[in-house]
Amino acid sequence: MTNKPNPDWMAVYQKAVNADPEMKVIGDWFTTDFKVSFEGEDYLLRVREGRIEEVVHAPNFDAPASFCLRAPMSVWDKFLSPTSPPLYHDFFAMLMRVPEFELDGNSLAAMQNARALHRMMNILGSMEPVNA
């Protein structure tokens, strides 16, 4: 990937999550705001009943979020690669075995919605690379 995700790419991600049939089944209880940080390029995802209602690029520092998933681009590049190496192929593997991949904030909120969050991350991992 090498390029950080941009707002257009994140809009495609939002559409992919919202169109996903599995998310329609497992996402009913997943309602929270959380951030994804691509080496300091932050996005706030406002999730309501398993649907991403809004993606906010570079949210204000005081924008409330339950938790944040953050990593350097070297980690995200591996996760977003079509042939992810071991430990970078799965959200939970990274969370447990890749020290640079961090879950900050309310980990209980993340784990209470682990199945839906895992699916959202699988969709993110299957996205086409960001164009320059």
N, C-alpha and C. Protein backbone atom coordinates (compact mmCIF):
# COMPACT_ATOMS: atom_id res chain seq x y z
N MET A 1 0.84 -1.18 0.00
CA MET A 1 0.00 0.00 0.00
C MET A 1 0.87 1.24 0.00
N THR A 2 1.70 1.40 0.95
CA THR A 2 2.64 2.51 1.14
C THR A 2 1.99 3.89 1.27
N ASN A 3 0.81 4.09 0.70
CA ASN A 3 0.10 5.34 0.88
C ASN A 3 -0.90 5.20 2.02
N LYS A 4 -1.01 6.24 2.81
CA LYS A 4 -1.99 6.20 3.88
C LYS A 4 -3.39 6.27 3.30
N PRO A 5 -4.33 5.60 3.94
CA PRO A 5 -5.71 5.69 3.46
C PRO A 5 -6.18 7.15 3.41
N ASN A 6 -6.94 7.45 2.38
CA ASN A 6 -7.47 8.80 2.21
C ASN A 6 -8.99 8.76 2.39
N PRO A 7 -9.64 9.91 2.48
CA PRO A 7 -11.09 9.92 2.69
C PRO A 7 -11.89 9.17 1.61
N ASP A 8 -11.45 9.23 0.37
CA ASP A 8 -12.16 8.50 -0.69
C ASP A 8 -12.08 6.99 -0.47
N TRP A 9 -10.91 6.52 -0.10
CA TRP A 9 -10.71 5.09 0.17
C TRP A 9 -11.57 4.66 1.36
N MET A 10 -11.63 5.51 2.38
CA MET A 10 -12.45 5.19 3.55
C MET A 10 -13.94 5.21 3.21
N ALA A 11 -14.35 6.03 2.26
CA ALA A 11 -15.75 6.04 1.81
C ALA A 11 -16.09 4.71 1.13
N VAL A 12 -15.16 4.17 0.35
CA VAL A 12 -15.36 2.86 -0.27
C VAL A 12 -15.46 1.79 0.82
N TYR A 13 -14.62 1.89 1.84
CA TYR A 13 -14.68 0.96 2.97
C TYR A 13 -16.04 1.05 3.66
N GLN A 14 -16.53 2.25 3.90
CA GLN A 14 -17.84 2.44 4.53
C GLN A 14 -18.93 1.74 3.72
N LYS A 15 -18.91 1.92 2.42
CA LYS A 15 -19.91 1.27 1.56
C LYS A 15 -19.79 -0.25 1.62
N ALA A 16 -18.55 -0.75 1.66
CA ALA A 16 -18.34 -2.20 1.72
C ALA A 16 -18.88 -2.78 3.02
N VAL A 17 -18.62 -2.12 4.13
CA VAL A 17 -19.14 -2.59 5.42
C VAL A 17 -20.66 -2.56 5.41
N ASN A 18 -21.21 -1.45 4.95
CA ASN A 18 -22.67 -1.29 4.99
C ASN A 18 -23.41 -2.22 4.04
N ALA A 19 -22.74 -2.70 3.01
CA ALA A 19 -23.35 -3.63 2.06
C ALA A 19 -23.10 -5.10 2.42
N ASP A 20 -22.29 -5.34 3.42
CA ASP A 20 -21.88 -6.71 3.75
C ASP A 20 -23.03 -7.49 4.40
N PRO A 21 -23.41 -8.61 3.80
CA PRO A 21 -24.53 -9.38 4.36
C PRO A 21 -24.25 -9.94 5.76
N GLU A 22 -23.00 -10.31 6.02
CA GLU A 22 -22.66 -10.84 7.34
C GLU A 22 -22.81 -9.76 8.42
N MET A 23 -22.40 -8.54 8.11
CA MET A 23 -22.55 -7.45 9.08
C MET A 23 -24.02 -7.19 9.39
N LYS A 24 -24.88 -7.40 8.41
CA LYS A 24 -26.32 -7.20 8.64
C LYS A 24 -26.86 -8.20 9.66
N VAL A 25 -26.23 -9.36 9.75
CA VAL A 25 -26.67 -10.40 10.68
C VAL A 25 -26.03 -10.21 12.06
N ILE A 26 -24.74 -9.91 12.10
CA ILE A 26 -24.02 -9.90 13.38
C ILE A 26 -23.84 -8.51 14.00
N GLY A 27 -24.23 -7.46 13.28
CA GLY A 27 -23.91 -6.12 13.76
C GLY A 27 -24.98 -5.42 14.56
N ASP A 28 -26.11 -6.05 14.79
CA ASP A 28 -27.24 -5.37 15.44
C ASP A 28 -26.87 -4.64 16.72
N TRP A 29 -25.98 -5.18 17.51
CA TRP A 29 -25.67 -4.60 18.82
C TRP A 29 -24.40 -3.75 18.79
N PHE A 30 -23.77 -3.65 17.64
CA PHE A 30 -22.51 -2.90 17.53
C PHE A 30 -22.81 -1.44 17.24
N THR A 31 -22.88 -0.66 18.30
CA THR A 31 -23.13 0.78 18.20
C THR A 31 -22.11 1.49 19.07
N THR A 32 -21.17 2.14 18.43
CA THR A 32 -20.13 2.87 19.14
C THR A 32 -19.39 3.77 18.16
N ASP A 33 -18.61 4.68 18.69
CA ASP A 33 -17.69 5.47 17.89
C ASP A 33 -16.29 5.00 18.23
N PHE A 34 -15.49 4.70 17.22
CA PHE A 34 -14.10 4.33 17.48
C PHE A 34 -13.22 4.89 16.38
N LYS A 35 -11.93 4.97 16.69
CA LYS A 35 -10.97 5.54 15.76
C LYS A 35 -10.06 4.45 15.20
N VAL A 36 -9.63 4.68 13.97
CA VAL A 36 -8.59 3.88 13.35
C VAL A 36 -7.50 4.86 12.96
N SER A 37 -6.27 4.57 13.40
CA SER A 37 -5.16 5.48 13.17
C SER A 37 -4.10 4.79 12.32
N PHE A 38 -3.90 5.33 11.13
CA PHE A 38 -2.90 4.83 10.20
C PHE A 38 -1.67 5.72 10.35
N GLU A 39 -0.84 5.40 11.33
CA GLU A 39 0.38 6.17 11.60
C GLU A 39 0.07 7.67 11.73
N GLY A 40 -0.93 7.97 12.54
CA GLY A 40 -1.27 9.36 12.81
C GLY A 40 -2.32 9.94 11.88
N GLU A 41 -2.69 9.22 10.83
CA GLU A 41 -3.79 9.64 9.96
C GLU A 41 -5.06 9.00 10.53
N ASP A 42 -5.83 9.81 11.26
CA ASP A 42 -6.93 9.27 12.05
C ASP A 42 -8.28 9.40 11.35
N TYR A 43 -9.10 8.38 11.61
CA TYR A 43 -10.49 8.36 11.14
C TYR A 43 -11.37 7.93 12.31
N LEU A 44 -12.43 8.67 12.53
CA LEU A 44 -13.43 8.32 13.52
C LEU A 44 -14.57 7.64 12.78
N LEU A 45 -14.88 6.41 13.20
CA LEU A 45 -15.97 5.66 12.58
C LEU A 45 -17.15 5.69 13.54
N ARG A 46 -18.25 6.23 13.09
CA ARG A 46 -19.48 6.27 13.89
C ARG A 46 -20.34 5.10 13.42
N VAL A 47 -20.37 4.06 14.25
CA VAL A 47 -21.05 2.81 13.91
C VAL A 47 -22.37 2.74 14.68
N ARG A 48 -23.44 2.47 13.94
CA ARG A 48 -24.76 2.32 14.53
C ARG A 48 -25.36 1.02 14.00
N GLU A 49 -25.61 0.10 14.94
CA GLU A 49 -26.20 -1.20 14.61
C GLU A 49 -25.46 -1.89 13.47
N GLY A 50 -24.13 -1.84 13.55
CA GLY A 50 -23.29 -2.55 12.59
C GLY A 50 -23.08 -1.83 11.26
N ARG A 51 -23.59 -0.63 11.13
CA ARG A 51 -23.41 0.16 9.92
C ARG A 51 -22.55 1.37 10.24
N ILE A 52 -21.65 1.70 9.35
CA ILE A 52 -20.85 2.91 9.53
C ILE A 52 -21.69 4.07 9.04
N GLU A 53 -22.20 4.85 9.97
CA GLU A 53 -23.06 5.98 9.63
C GLU A 53 -22.24 7.17 9.12
N GLU A 54 -21.02 7.30 9.65
CA GLU A 54 -20.19 8.44 9.25
C GLU A 54 -18.73 8.10 9.47
N VAL A 55 -17.89 8.60 8.57
CA VAL A 55 -16.44 8.52 8.71
C VAL A 55 -15.94 9.95 8.79
N VAL A 56 -15.27 10.27 9.90
CA VAL A 56 -14.74 11.62 10.09
C VAL A 56 -13.23 11.56 9.96
N HIS A 57 -12.70 12.24 8.94
CA HIS A 57 -11.26 12.30 8.74
C HIS A 57 -10.67 13.34 9.67
N ALA A 58 -9.57 13.02 10.32
CA ALA A 58 -8.85 13.94 11.22
C ALA A 58 -9.80 14.58 12.23
N PRO A 59 -10.47 13.74 13.05
CA PRO A 59 -11.39 14.30 14.03
C PRO A 59 -10.65 15.16 15.06
N ASN A 60 -11.37 16.09 15.65
CA ASN A 60 -10.78 16.90 16.72
C ASN A 60 -10.28 15.99 17.83
N PHE A 61 -9.28 16.45 18.55
CA PHE A 61 -8.69 15.64 19.62
C PHE A 61 -9.72 15.28 20.69
N ASP A 62 -10.75 16.08 20.84
CA ASP A 62 -11.74 15.82 21.88
C ASP A 62 -12.98 15.09 21.37
N ALA A 63 -12.93 14.59 20.14
CA ALA A 63 -14.05 13.80 19.61
C ALA A 63 -14.10 12.48 20.37
N PRO A 64 -15.21 12.20 21.03
CA PRO A 64 -15.27 10.98 21.85
C PRO A 64 -15.21 9.71 21.00
N ALA A 65 -14.44 8.77 21.50
CA ALA A 65 -14.33 7.45 20.86
C ALA A 65 -14.14 6.42 21.96
N SER A 66 -14.79 5.28 21.81
CA SER A 66 -14.66 4.22 22.81
C SER A 66 -13.25 3.65 22.84
N PHE A 67 -12.69 3.47 21.65
CA PHE A 67 -11.35 2.89 21.56
C PHE A 67 -10.72 3.31 20.25
N CYS A 68 -9.43 3.01 20.12
CA CYS A 68 -8.69 3.34 18.90
C CYS A 68 -7.81 2.16 18.52
N LEU A 69 -7.82 1.82 17.25
CA LEU A 69 -6.90 0.83 16.69
C LEU A 69 -5.82 1.61 15.98
N ARG A 70 -4.57 1.46 16.44
CA ARG A 70 -3.49 2.26 15.85
C ARG A 70 -2.27 1.38 15.57
N ALA A 71 -1.58 1.77 14.49
CA ALA A 71 -0.35 1.07 14.12
C ALA A 71 0.42 1.92 13.12
N PRO A 72 1.72 1.69 13.01
CA PRO A 72 2.48 2.35 11.94
C PRO A 72 2.09 1.77 10.59
N MET A 73 2.37 2.51 9.54
CA MET A 73 2.00 2.06 8.19
C MET A 73 2.68 0.75 7.82
N SER A 74 3.85 0.46 8.37
CA SER A 74 4.51 -0.81 8.06
C SER A 74 3.63 -1.99 8.49
N VAL A 75 2.91 -1.84 9.59
CA VAL A 75 2.00 -2.90 10.05
C VAL A 75 0.75 -2.93 9.19
N TRP A 76 0.15 -1.75 8.97
CA TRP A 76 -1.05 -1.70 8.14
C TRP A 76 -0.77 -2.22 6.73
N ASP A 77 0.41 -1.91 6.17
CA ASP A 77 0.75 -2.39 4.84
C ASP A 77 0.69 -3.91 4.78
N LYS A 78 1.20 -4.57 5.79
CA LYS A 78 1.18 -6.03 5.82
C LYS A 78 -0.24 -6.55 5.95
N PHE A 79 -1.04 -5.93 6.82
CA PHE A 79 -2.42 -6.35 7.02
C PHE A 79 -3.25 -6.15 5.75
N LEU A 80 -3.02 -5.05 5.06
CA LEU A 80 -3.80 -4.71 3.87
C LEU A 80 -3.26 -5.34 2.58
N SER A 81 -2.18 -6.09 2.70
CA SER A 81 -1.60 -6.76 1.54
C SER A 81 -2.50 -7.93 1.10
N PRO A 82 -2.59 -8.18 -0.22
CA PRO A 82 -3.37 -9.33 -0.68
C PRO A 82 -2.83 -10.67 -0.16
N THR A 83 -1.54 -10.69 0.15
CA THR A 83 -0.93 -11.91 0.71
C THR A 83 -0.29 -11.57 2.05
N SER A 84 -1.12 -11.30 3.04
CA SER A 84 -0.63 -10.93 4.36
C SER A 84 0.22 -12.04 4.97
N PRO A 85 1.37 -11.68 5.54
CA PRO A 85 2.20 -12.69 6.19
C PRO A 85 1.56 -13.17 7.50
N PRO A 86 2.03 -14.29 8.03
CA PRO A 86 1.51 -14.77 9.30
C PRO A 86 1.56 -13.66 10.36
N LEU A 87 0.58 -13.67 11.22
CA LEU A 87 0.36 -12.71 12.30
C LEU A 87 -0.25 -11.40 11.80
N TYR A 88 -0.13 -11.11 10.52
CA TYR A 88 -0.68 -9.87 9.96
C TYR A 88 -1.94 -10.14 9.12
N HIS A 89 -2.36 -11.37 9.10
CA HIS A 89 -3.51 -11.77 8.29
C HIS A 89 -4.83 -11.61 9.02
N ASP A 90 -4.76 -11.34 10.34
CA ASP A 90 -5.97 -11.36 11.15
C ASP A 90 -5.88 -10.32 12.26
N PHE A 91 -6.95 -9.63 12.49
CA PHE A 91 -7.04 -8.60 13.52
C PHE A 91 -6.62 -9.13 14.90
N PHE A 92 -7.14 -10.27 15.31
CA PHE A 92 -6.82 -10.81 16.63
C PHE A 92 -5.37 -11.27 16.72
N ALA A 93 -4.84 -11.83 15.66
CA ALA A 93 -3.43 -12.23 15.66
C ALA A 93 -2.55 -11.01 15.85
N MET A 94 -2.87 -9.93 15.15
CA MET A 94 -2.08 -8.70 15.31
C MET A 94 -2.22 -8.16 16.72
N LEU A 95 -3.43 -8.16 17.23
CA LEU A 95 -3.68 -7.63 18.57
C LEU A 95 -2.87 -8.38 19.63
N MET A 96 -2.73 -9.68 19.45
CA MET A 96 -2.03 -10.49 20.46
C MET A 96 -0.54 -10.63 20.22
N ARG A 97 -0.07 -10.52 18.97
CA ARG A 97 1.31 -10.86 18.67
C ARG A 97 2.13 -9.79 17.97
N VAL A 98 1.51 -8.68 17.60
CA VAL A 98 2.25 -7.60 16.93
C VAL A 98 2.25 -6.39 17.86
N PRO A 99 3.35 -6.17 18.57
CA PRO A 99 3.37 -5.11 19.60
C PRO A 99 3.05 -3.71 19.06
N GLU A 100 3.35 -3.46 17.79
CA GLU A 100 3.10 -2.13 17.23
C GLU A 100 1.62 -1.89 16.92
N PHE A 101 0.82 -2.94 16.91
CA PHE A 101 -0.62 -2.82 16.69
C PHE A 101 -1.27 -2.68 18.06
N GLU A 102 -1.92 -1.55 18.29
CA GLU A 102 -2.44 -1.24 19.62
C GLU A 102 -3.94 -1.02 19.61
N LEU A 103 -4.55 -1.48 20.69
CA LEU A 103 -5.94 -1.17 20.98
C LEU A 103 -5.92 -0.29 22.22
N ASP A 104 -6.19 0.99 22.03
CA ASP A 104 -6.20 1.96 23.13
C ASP A 104 -7.65 2.24 23.52
N GLY A 105 -7.84 2.54 24.79
CA GLY A 105 -9.16 2.95 25.23
C GLY A 105 -9.92 1.81 25.87
N ASN A 106 -11.21 1.78 25.66
CA ASN A 106 -12.12 0.85 26.31
C ASN A 106 -12.09 -0.50 25.58
N SER A 107 -11.18 -1.35 26.00
CA SER A 107 -11.06 -2.66 25.35
C SER A 107 -12.30 -3.52 25.59
N LEU A 108 -13.01 -3.28 26.70
CA LEU A 108 -14.24 -4.02 26.96
C LEU A 108 -15.27 -3.73 25.86
N ALA A 109 -15.43 -2.47 25.48
CA ALA A 109 -16.37 -2.12 24.41
C ALA A 109 -15.98 -2.81 23.11
N ALA A 110 -14.68 -2.89 22.84
CA ALA A 110 -14.22 -3.58 21.62
C ALA A 110 -14.53 -5.07 21.69
N MET A 111 -14.24 -5.70 22.82
CA MET A 111 -14.41 -7.14 22.93
C MET A 111 -15.87 -7.55 23.07
N GLN A 112 -16.71 -6.67 23.60
CA GLN A 112 -18.15 -6.98 23.64
C GLN A 112 -18.72 -7.05 22.23
N ASN A 113 -18.05 -6.44 21.31
CA ASN A 113 -18.47 -6.44 19.91
C ASN A 113 -17.44 -7.11 19.02
N ALA A 114 -16.74 -8.07 19.59
CA ALA A 114 -15.59 -8.69 18.92
C ALA A 114 -15.95 -9.28 17.56
N ARG A 115 -17.07 -9.96 17.46
CA ARG A 115 -17.41 -10.62 16.19
C ARG A 115 -17.64 -9.60 15.08
N ALA A 116 -18.42 -8.56 15.39
CA ALA A 116 -18.69 -7.53 14.38
C ALA A 116 -17.42 -6.73 14.07
N LEU A 117 -16.64 -6.41 15.09
CA LEU A 117 -15.39 -5.68 14.86
C LEU A 117 -14.43 -6.51 14.01
N HIS A 118 -14.35 -7.80 14.30
CA HIS A 118 -13.50 -8.70 13.53
C HIS A 118 -13.93 -8.71 12.06
N ARG A 119 -15.23 -8.76 11.82
CA ARG A 119 -15.73 -8.75 10.44
C ARG A 119 -15.38 -7.44 9.75
N MET A 120 -15.55 -6.33 10.47
CA MET A 120 -15.20 -5.03 9.89
C MET A 120 -13.72 -4.97 9.52
N MET A 121 -12.88 -5.53 10.38
CA MET A 121 -11.45 -5.55 10.09
C MET A 121 -11.13 -6.49 8.93
N ASN A 122 -11.86 -7.60 8.79
CA ASN A 122 -11.66 -8.48 7.64
C ASN A 122 -12.00 -7.75 6.35
N ILE A 123 -13.07 -6.97 6.38
CA ILE A 123 -13.44 -6.19 5.20
C ILE A 123 -12.35 -5.18 4.89
N LEU A 124 -11.83 -4.52 5.93
CA LEU A 124 -10.73 -3.55 5.73
C LEU A 124 -9.53 -4.25 5.10
N GLY A 125 -9.19 -5.43 5.59
CA GLY A 125 -8.04 -6.18 5.07
C GLY A 125 -8.20 -6.64 3.65
N SER A 126 -9.45 -6.71 3.18
CA SER A 126 -9.68 -7.18 1.80
C SER A 126 -9.81 -6.02 0.81
N MET A 127 -9.65 -4.79 1.28
CA MET A 127 -9.78 -3.62 0.42
C MET A 127 -8.64 -3.56 -0.60
N GLU A 128 -8.93 -2.98 -1.75
CA GLU A 128 -7.91 -2.73 -2.75
C GLU A 128 -6.91 -1.72 -2.17
N PRO A 129 -5.64 -1.80 -2.55
CA PRO A 129 -4.65 -0.85 -2.05
C PRO A 129 -5.02 0.60 -2.39
N VAL A 130 -4.55 1.48 -1.56
CA VAL A 130 -4.77 2.92 -1.78
C VAL A 130 -3.95 3.36 -2.97
N ASN A 131 -4.57 4.10 -3.88
CA ASN A 131 -3.84 4.64 -5.04
C ASN A 131 -3.10 5.89 -4.63
N ALA A 132 -2.00 6.15 -5.31
CA ALA A 132 -1.20 7.34 -5.04
C ALA A 132 -1.96 8.60 -5.35
